[in-house]
C-alpha atoms as a PDB file:
ATOM      1  CA  UNK A   1       0.000   0.000   0.000  1.00  0.00           C
ATOM      2  CA  UNK A   2       2.266   2.787  -1.261  1.00  0.00           C
ATOM      3  CA  UNK A   3       0.312   5.999  -1.022  1.00  0.00           C
ATOM      4  CA  UNK A   4       2.602   8.650  -2.496  1.00  0.00           C
ATOM      5  CA  UNK A   5       2.384  12.234  -1.386  1.00  0.00           C
ATOM      6  CA  UNK A   6       0.628  14.591  -3.768  1.00  0.00           C
ATOM      7  CA  UNK A   7       1.259  18.279  -4.293  1.00  0.00           C
ATOM      8  CA  UNK A   8      -1.653  20.727  -4.341  1.00  0.00           C
ATOM      9  CA  UNK A   9      -1.668  24.326  -5.585  1.00  0.00           C
ATOM     10  CA  UNK A  10      -4.065  26.836  -4.028  1.00  0.00           C
ATOM     11  CA  UNK A  11      -4.565  30.395  -5.248  1.00  0.00           C
ATOM     12  CA  UNK A  12      -5.366  32.492  -2.147  1.00  0.00           C
ATOM     13  CA  UNK A  13      -6.524  35.562  -4.086  1.00  0.00           C
ATOM     14  CA  UNK A  14      -9.753  36.938  -2.539  1.00  0.00           C
ATOM     15  CA  UNK A  15     -10.148  33.938  -0.203  1.00  0.00           C
ATOM     16  CA  UNK A  16     -10.812  34.214   3.537  1.00  0.00           C
ATOM     17  CA  UNK A  17      -7.873  33.342   5.807  1.00  0.00           C
ATOM     18  CA  UNK A  18      -9.795  31.002   8.113  1.00  0.00           C
ATOM     19  CA  UNK A  19     -11.581  29.054   5.400  1.00  0.00           C
ATOM     20  CA  UNK A  20      -8.462  28.480   3.346  1.00  0.00           C
ATOM     21  CA  UNK A  21      -6.476  27.569   6.486  1.00  0.00           C
ATOM     22  CA  UNK A  22      -8.956  24.811   7.347  1.00  0.00           C
ATOM     23  CA  UNK A  23      -8.513  23.280   3.907  1.00  0.00           C
ATOM     24  CA  UNK A  24      -4.708  23.532   4.077  1.00  0.00           C
ATOM     25  CA  UNK A  25      -4.551  21.987   7.575  1.00  0.00           C
ATOM     26  CA  UNK A  26      -6.733  19.082   6.426  1.00  0.00           C
ATOM     27  CA  UNK A  27      -4.542  18.415   3.368  1.00  0.00           C
ATOM     28  CA  UNK A  28      -1.245  18.726   5.272  1.00  0.00           C
ATOM     29  CA  UNK A  29      -2.316  16.419   8.107  1.00  0.00           C
ATOM     30  CA  UNK A  30      -3.796  13.836   5.713  1.00  0.00           C
ATOM     31  CA  UNK A  31      -7.328  13.817   7.103  1.00  0.00           C
ATOM     32  CA  UNK A  32      -8.749  13.614   3.580  1.00  0.00           C
ATOM     33  CA  UNK A  33      -7.150  10.186   3.026  1.00  0.00           C
ATOM     34  CA  UNK A  34      -8.532   6.780   3.936  1.00  0.00           C
ATOM     35  CA  UNK A  35      -5.094   5.870   5.351  1.00  0.00           C
ATOM     36  CA  UNK A  36      -5.109   8.715   7.921  1.00  0.00           C
ATOM     37  CA  UNK A  37      -3.300   7.961  11.181  1.00  0.00           C
ATOM     38  CA  UNK A  38      -3.300  10.759  13.731  1.00  0.00           C
ATOM     39  CA  UNK A  39       0.267  10.267  14.978  1.00  0.00           C
ATOM     40  CA  UNK A  40       1.987   9.957  11.562  1.00  0.00           C
ATOM     41  CA  UNK A  41       2.970  12.456   8.889  1.00  0.00           C
ATOM     42  CA  UNK A  42       0.807  10.993   6.117  1.00  0.00           C
ATOM     43  CA  UNK A  43      -0.417  14.236   4.552  1.00  0.00           C
ATOM     44  CA  UNK A  44       0.300  15.922   1.253  1.00  0.00           C
ATOM     45  CA  UNK A  45       2.260  19.054   0.369  1.00  0.00           C
ATOM     46  CA  UNK A  46       0.476  22.335  -0.344  1.00  0.00           C
ATOM     47  CA  UNK A  47       1.680  25.345  -2.340  1.00  0.00           C
ATOM     48  CA  UNK A  48      -0.176  28.623  -1.758  1.00  0.00           C
ATOM     49  CA  UNK A  49       0.275  31.537  -4.161  1.00  0.00           C
ATOM     50  CA  UNK A  50      -1.002  35.153  -4.136  1.00  0.00           C
ATOM     51  CA  UNK A  51      -1.041  35.148  -0.344  1.00  0.00           C
ATOM     52  CA  UNK A  52      -0.719  38.945  -0.215  1.00  0.00           C
ATOM     53  CA  UNK A  53      -4.276  39.213  -1.630  1.00  0.00           C
ATOM     54  CA  UNK A  54      -5.945  37.115   1.071  1.00  0.00           C
ATOM     55  CA  UNK A  55      -9.043  38.602   2.761  1.00  0.00           C
ATOM     56  CA  UNK A  56     -10.347  38.748   6.330  1.00  0.00           C
ATOM     57  CA  UNK A  57     -13.775  39.559   7.727  1.00  0.00           C
ATOM     58  CA  UNK A  58     -15.024  42.131  10.172  1.00  0.00           C
ATOM     59  CA  UNK A  59     -12.779  44.719  11.825  1.00  0.00           C
ATOM     60  CA  UNK A  60      -9.766  42.394  11.989  1.00  0.00           C
ATOM     61  CA  UNK A  61      -7.901  44.491   9.420  1.00  0.00           C
ATOM     62  CA  UNK A  62      -7.042  47.057  12.104  1.00  0.00           C
ATOM     63  CA  UNK A  63      -7.952  45.262  15.371  1.00  0.00           C
ATOM     64  CA  UNK A  64      -6.288  41.825  15.060  1.00  0.00           C
ATOM     65  CA  UNK A  65      -2.908  41.703  16.803  1.00  0.00           C
ATOM     66  CA  UNK A  66       0.039  39.475  15.958  1.00  0.00           C
ATOM     67  CA  UNK A  67       2.556  39.065  18.771  1.00  0.00           C
ATOM     68  CA  UNK A  68       6.114  37.774  18.792  1.00  0.00           C
ATOM     69  CA  UNK A  69       8.710  37.755  21.559  1.00  0.00           C
ATOM     70  CA  UNK A  70      12.485  37.857  21.264  1.00  0.00           C
ATOM     71  CA  UNK A  71      12.975  35.977  24.531  1.00  0.00           C
ATOM     72  CA  UNK A  72      14.636  38.978  26.178  1.00  0.00           C
ATOM     73  CA  UNK A  73      13.027  41.116  28.897  1.00  0.00           C
ATOM     74  CA  UNK A  74      10.781  43.681  27.250  1.00  0.00           C
ATOM     75  CA  UNK A  75      11.093  41.943  23.885  1.00  0.00           C
ATOM     76  CA  UNK A  76       7.375  41.713  23.054  1.00  0.00           C
ATOM     77  CA  UNK A  77       6.548  43.122  19.618  1.00  0.00           C
ATOM     78  CA  UNK A  78       2.934  43.657  18.574  1.00  0.00           C
ATOM     79  CA  UNK A  79       1.601  44.562  15.139  1.00  0.00           C
ATOM     80  CA  UNK A  80      -1.780  44.632  13.421  1.00  0.00           C
ATOM     81  CA  UNK A  81      -2.915  42.577  10.432  1.00  0.00           C
ATOM     82  CA  UNK A  82      -2.397  45.588   8.185  1.00  0.00           C
ATOM     83  CA  UNK A  83       1.211  46.099   9.329  1.00  0.00           C
ATOM     84  CA  UNK A  84       2.124  42.399   9.077  1.00  0.00           C
ATOM     85  CA  UNK A  85       0.547  42.183   5.624  1.00  0.00           C
ATOM     86  CA  UNK A  86       2.818  44.984   4.421  1.00  0.00           C
ATOM     87  CA  UNK A  87       5.937  43.528   6.085  1.00  0.00           C
ATOM     88  CA  UNK A  88       5.674  39.716   5.707  1.00  0.00           C
ATOM     89  CA  UNK A  89       2.351  38.657   4.180  1.00  0.00           C
ATOM     90  CA  UNK A  90       3.277  34.945   4.165  1.00  0.00           C
ATOM     91  CA  UNK A  91       3.376  34.791   7.950  1.00  0.00           C
ATOM     92  CA  UNK A  92      -0.371  35.494   8.282  1.00  0.00           C
ATOM     93  CA  UNK A  93      -1.367  32.243   6.602  1.00  0.00           C
ATOM     94  CA  UNK A  94       1.475  30.257   8.163  1.00  0.00           C
ATOM     95  CA  UNK A  95       0.445  31.251  11.698  1.00  0.00           C
ATOM     96  CA  UNK A  96      -3.199  30.510  10.972  1.00  0.00           C
ATOM     97  CA  UNK A  97      -2.415  26.996   9.735  1.00  0.00           C
ATOM     98  CA  UNK A  98       0.082  26.367  12.576  1.00  0.00           C
ATOM     99  CA  UNK A  99      -2.692  27.055  15.078  1.00  0.00           C
ATOM    100  CA  UNK A 100      -4.783  24.276  13.520  1.00  0.00           C
ATOM    101  CA  UNK A 101      -2.059  21.617  13.572  1.00  0.00           C
ATOM    102  CA  UNK A 102      -0.970  19.514  16.558  1.00  0.00           C
ATOM    103  CA  UNK A 103       1.587  21.081  18.845  1.00  0.00           C
ATOM    104  CA  UNK A 104       4.984  19.423  19.179  1.00  0.00           C
ATOM    105  CA  UNK A 105       7.301  17.558  16.859  1.00  0.00           C
ATOM    106  CA  UNK A 106       4.514  16.227  14.612  1.00  0.00           C
ATOM    107  CA  UNK A 107       3.131  19.737  14.063  1.00  0.00           C
ATOM    108  CA  UNK A 108       6.589  21.055  13.164  1.00  0.00           C
ATOM    109  CA  UNK A 109       7.049  18.203  10.687  1.00  0.00           C
ATOM    110  CA  UNK A 110       3.638  18.842   9.125  1.00  0.00           C
ATOM    111  CA  UNK A 111       4.152  22.597   8.678  1.00  0.00           C
ATOM    112  CA  UNK A 112       7.214  21.854   6.523  1.00  0.00           C
ATOM    113  CA  UNK A 113       4.788  20.565   3.872  1.00  0.00           C
ATOM    114  CA  UNK A 114       3.348  24.077   3.446  1.00  0.00           C
ATOM    115  CA  UNK A 115       4.990  26.389   0.899  1.00  0.00           C
ATOM    116  CA  UNK A 116       3.652  29.965   0.840  1.00  0.00           C
ATOM    117  CA  UNK A 117       4.554  32.547  -1.827  1.00  0.00           C
ATOM    118  CA  UNK A 118       3.587  36.105  -2.661  1.00  0.00           C
ATOM    119  CA  UNK A 119       2.762  36.555  -6.319  1.00  0.00           C
ATOM    120  CA  UNK A 120       1.680  33.812  -8.675  1.00  0.00           C
ATOM    121  CA  UNK A 121       5.061  32.197  -9.381  1.00  0.00           C
ATOM    122  CA  UNK A 122       6.528  29.323  -7.387  1.00  0.00           C
ATOM    123  CA  UNK A 123       9.596  27.077  -7.851  1.00  0.00           C
ATOM    124  CA  UNK A 124       7.667  23.771  -7.573  1.00  0.00           C
ATOM    125  CA  UNK A 125       6.490  23.250 -11.165  1.00  0.00           C
ATOM    126  CA  UNK A 126       8.478  20.018 -11.490  1.00  0.00           C
ATOM    127  CA  UNK A 127       6.276  18.423  -8.792  1.00  0.00           C
ATOM    128  CA  UNK A 128       3.235  18.898 -11.103  1.00  0.00           C
ATOM    129  CA  UNK A 129       0.841  20.196  -8.425  1.00  0.00           C
ATOM    130  CA  UNK A 130      -2.896  19.602  -8.680  1.00  0.00           C
ATOM    131  CA  UNK A 131      -4.692  22.964  -8.895  1.00  0.00           C
ATOM    132  CA  UNK A 132      -7.458  23.291  -6.300  1.00  0.00           C
ATOM    133  CA  UNK A 133     -10.298  25.706  -6.909  1.00  0.00           C
ATOM    134  CA  UNK A 134     -13.912  25.846  -5.685  1.00  0.00           C
ATOM    135  CA  UNK A 135     -14.939  22.893  -7.836  1.00  0.00           C
ATOM    136  CA  UNK A 136     -12.148  20.645  -6.608  1.00  0.00           C
ATOM    137  CA  UNK A 137     -12.384  21.023  -2.831  1.00  0.00           C
ATOM    138  CA  UNK A 138     -16.143  21.123  -2.452  1.00  0.00           C
ATOM    139  CA  UNK A 139     -16.662  24.608  -1.025  1.00  0.00           C
ATOM    140  CA  UNK A 140     -20.445  24.984  -1.050  1.00  0.00           C
ATOM    141  CA  UNK A 141     -20.397  28.792  -0.966  1.00  0.00           C
END
């Protein structure tokens, strides 16, 4: 039973962060497969492009806070969604997906299967990724 890993390509343009993160977390962890085992890395790899054009709902554009700490006293840095989107737009989606994966060594191994890029070009064309759009992943909206 050799179930090879597949590569999926998702265009994040005008998609909501939470909804696309749920799909990515499911694909990375392998929950869409019949051979899913919760303690093994049996998921697929996901490439996300146009991540700088991702959308959010409500007042999160100015009110949502992203925090990071340097580990030193007084090293807490806080920035809004708008500021982080200008600085490092890939981190928004990465943090959202990381929050949906298991914590610990399995979660760190799973997040390595996520490749996030600004713009529509990516260096993974030789993997022949399967393009996912609304028709392919069953979004009913």
